[in-house]
Structures are given as C-alpha cells and as structure tokens.
Amino acid sequence: MSRLASAGLAVLAAALLSEMLPSPASAADAPSARVVAMYFHRTTRCPTCRKMGSYSEEAVKTGFPEQLKSGTVEFHDIDFQDRKNAALTKGYGVSGPSLIVAKVEDGKVKEFENLQDIWTHAGEKAAFIRYVQENVAARLK
C-alpha cells in the first residue's frame, strides 16, 4: 500500500477512534498521547476467539492498571460485523478477528499494528499475554 494511502487510513482511523471510542476520562481530559488496544471480533464468536479476546483484555488490564486509570492506555472490544463499527473496521483494514494496537499523539493515530502473532500464541496464555504487553509497552515509550 502506498504511503499516501497508509497515511489516509491512519487519519481516518484517528478520526473514527476519537468519535466512536470514548476514553475513560472525559474528552476534555483525555491524554493527548495514549495507546489504544482494540480486539475486533465477529458477532458470533467461536471458543478460540472468545479466549483471544479474554486474553487480550487480561493482558492490558493486568499489565497497565495505572495507565488505564489515567487514560494513557485503553482497551476496547469491538464487533467488526456490527454496522455501527463499519468505518472503524475499514479504517484499520480489519477483515477477521484481530488485535490492533494504536499509538495516539495529539488526538491522531500516529501508528498502529495488527498483532497477528496472537494466533501463534493462542494455545499458550503466558506467551500471549507477554506478547501483547510488550507491544503495548513499546508504544507507550
């Protein structure tokens, strides 16, 4: 994908993120720099997808409790098949269950990554949680 298209998707994703996903703090109090983890899932979820969502949420909540309170880290569970999430799903290029970690600066998505290796760690909870926490921590720096 061209850099221009990637930049366009990032801007679209940032705008949608700010509109669709409320921060734990009010919009006026939301930190200008934060990391947002989003687990995208289907409406009907298989046991593995439920486990992946649970592990993703656990990784963020146990690894970053203070940052969650301050709003510098967020976690969202998103049904990518729900029409209300269509623009957000398109902005991040989601077509199947995915964990997206985005770095937001000055209210705009600076970068994001689809953590595809969650699938290789699905059967190994400790490795899964470590992988997610390392990726969130890297974007906090």
Protein backbone atom coordinates (compact mmCIF):
# COMPACT_ATOMS: atom_id res chain seq x y z
CA MET A 1 0.00 0.00 0.00
CA SER A 2 1.33 3.43 -0.82
CA ARG A 3 2.47 5.74 1.94
CA LEU A 4 -0.25 8.23 0.98
CA ALA A 5 -2.94 5.58 1.31
CA SER A 6 -1.47 4.42 4.63
CA ALA A 7 -1.43 7.99 5.90
CA GLY A 8 -5.01 8.44 4.76
CA LEU A 9 -6.10 5.30 6.58
CA ALA A 10 -4.30 6.45 9.73
CA VAL A 11 -6.06 9.83 9.63
CA LEU A 12 -9.41 8.13 9.04
CA ALA A 13 -8.76 5.67 11.85
CA ALA A 14 -7.80 8.51 14.22
CA ALA A 15 -10.95 10.46 13.45
CA LEU A 16 -13.12 7.39 13.86
CA LEU A 17 -11.32 6.34 17.02
CA SER A 18 -11.92 9.70 18.65
CA GLU A 19 -15.59 9.70 17.65
CA MET A 20 -16.50 6.09 18.36
CA LEU A 21 -14.45 5.03 21.35
CA PRO A 22 -14.87 7.13 24.45
CA SER A 23 -11.86 7.45 26.70
CA PRO A 24 -12.17 6.55 30.40
CA ALA A 25 -11.56 10.25 31.03
CA SER A 26 -13.86 12.85 29.54
CA ALA A 27 -12.94 14.07 26.07
CA ALA A 28 -11.57 17.32 27.53
CA ASP A 29 -9.40 15.38 30.00
CA ALA A 30 -8.22 12.64 27.61
CA PRO A 31 -4.44 12.50 27.37
CA SER A 32 -3.14 13.76 24.04
CA ALA A 33 -0.79 10.75 23.94
CA ARG A 34 -2.15 7.28 24.62
CA VAL A 35 -2.10 3.68 23.43
CA VAL A 36 -5.34 2.04 22.40
CA ALA A 37 -5.70 -1.75 22.14
CA MET A 38 -8.75 -2.93 20.20
CA TYR A 39 -9.83 -6.55 19.90
CA PHE A 40 -12.02 -6.86 16.79
CA HIS A 41 -14.28 -9.92 16.75
CA ARG A 42 -17.24 -11.35 14.85
CA THR A 43 -20.77 -11.10 16.19
CA THR A 44 -20.83 -14.88 16.71
CA ARG A 45 -17.60 -15.97 18.33
CA CYS A 46 -16.01 -19.39 18.48
CA PRO A 47 -14.32 -20.57 21.71
CA THR A 48 -10.85 -19.62 20.39
CA CYS A 49 -11.98 -16.10 19.50
CA ARG A 50 -13.59 -15.66 22.93
CA LYS A 51 -10.34 -16.86 24.53
CA MET A 52 -8.27 -14.46 22.42
CA GLY A 53 -10.49 -11.54 23.42
CA SER A 54 -10.30 -12.53 27.06
CA TYR A 55 -6.52 -12.92 26.96
CA SER A 56 -6.16 -9.56 25.18
CA GLU A 57 -8.24 -7.77 27.78
CA GLU A 58 -6.44 -9.53 30.64
CA ALA A 59 -3.03 -8.61 29.18
CA VAL A 60 -3.93 -4.93 29.06
CA LYS A 61 -5.77 -4.77 32.38
CA THR A 62 -3.15 -6.65 34.39
CA GLY A 63 -0.16 -5.10 32.67
CA PHE A 64 -1.25 -1.46 32.73
CA PRO A 65 -3.68 -0.79 35.61
CA GLU A 66 -2.36 2.70 36.40
CA GLN A 67 -2.25 3.70 32.74
CA LEU A 68 -5.84 2.52 32.30
CA LYS A 69 -6.89 4.73 35.22
CA SER A 70 -5.07 7.74 33.80
CA GLY A 71 -6.36 7.11 30.27
CA THR A 72 -2.90 6.68 28.72
CA VAL A 73 -3.89 3.09 27.85
CA GLU A 74 -7.32 1.96 26.68
CA PHE A 75 -8.83 -1.39 25.77
CA HIS A 76 -11.89 -1.83 23.57
CA ASP A 77 -13.77 -4.94 22.46
CA ILE A 78 -15.29 -4.25 19.01
CA ASP A 79 -17.70 -6.31 16.92
CA PHE A 80 -16.37 -5.72 13.41
CA GLN A 81 -19.56 -7.13 11.85
CA ASP A 82 -21.76 -4.56 13.58
CA ARG A 83 -22.63 -1.81 11.09
CA LYS A 84 -22.02 0.90 13.66
CA ASN A 85 -18.33 -0.12 13.64
CA ALA A 86 -18.00 -0.37 9.83
CA ALA A 87 -15.97 2.82 9.36
CA LEU A 88 -13.60 1.95 12.19
CA THR A 89 -13.22 -1.58 10.86
CA LYS A 90 -12.45 -0.26 7.37
CA GLY A 91 -10.03 2.37 8.71
CA TYR A 92 -7.91 -0.31 10.38
CA GLY A 93 -8.27 -2.79 7.50
CA VAL A 94 -9.88 -5.43 9.69
CA SER A 95 -11.44 -8.41 7.89
CA GLY A 96 -11.28 -11.02 10.65
CA PRO A 97 -10.63 -11.30 14.37
CA SER A 98 -7.69 -9.02 15.12
CA LEU A 99 -5.91 -7.20 17.90
CA ILE A 100 -4.94 -3.70 16.82
CA VAL A 101 -2.65 -1.57 18.98
CA ALA A 102 -2.59 2.11 18.07
CA LYS A 103 -0.39 4.93 19.30
CA VAL A 104 -2.30 8.20 19.51
CA GLU A 105 -0.49 11.53 19.72
CA ASP A 106 -2.18 14.93 19.73
CA GLY A 107 -5.50 13.19 19.18
CA LYS A 108 -4.35 11.47 15.97
CA VAL A 109 -3.29 7.89 15.30
CA LYS A 110 0.44 8.13 14.70
CA GLU A 111 0.90 4.41 14.09
CA PHE A 112 -0.95 1.16 14.52
CA GLU A 113 -0.19 -2.51 14.18
CA ASN A 114 -2.26 -5.62 13.78
CA LEU A 115 -0.71 -8.04 16.31
CA GLN A 116 -1.02 -11.09 14.09
CA ASP A 117 1.21 -13.25 16.28
CA ILE A 118 -1.62 -13.58 18.80
CA TRP A 119 -2.69 -16.53 16.68
CA THR A 120 0.61 -18.35 17.22
CA HIS A 121 0.26 -17.80 20.98
CA ALA A 122 -3.42 -18.75 21.28
CA GLY A 123 -2.60 -22.05 22.98
CA GLU A 124 -0.03 -20.55 25.34
CA LYS A 125 -1.61 -17.95 27.62
CA ALA A 126 1.60 -16.67 29.26
CA ALA A 127 3.27 -16.11 25.88
CA PHE A 128 0.13 -14.44 24.53
CA ILE A 129 -0.08 -12.03 27.46
CA ARG A 130 3.64 -11.26 27.32
CA TYR A 131 3.43 -10.57 23.55
CA VAL A 132 0.52 -8.16 23.97
CA GLN A 133 2.06 -6.39 26.96
CA GLU A 134 5.40 -5.97 25.17
CA ASN A 135 3.66 -4.38 22.18
CA VAL A 136 1.58 -2.01 24.30
CA ALA A 137 4.63 -1.06 26.40
CA ALA A 138 6.70 -0.38 23.26
CA ARG A 139 4.12 2.14 22.08
CA LEU A 140 3.96 3.85 25.47
CA LYS A 141 7.60 4.95 25.11
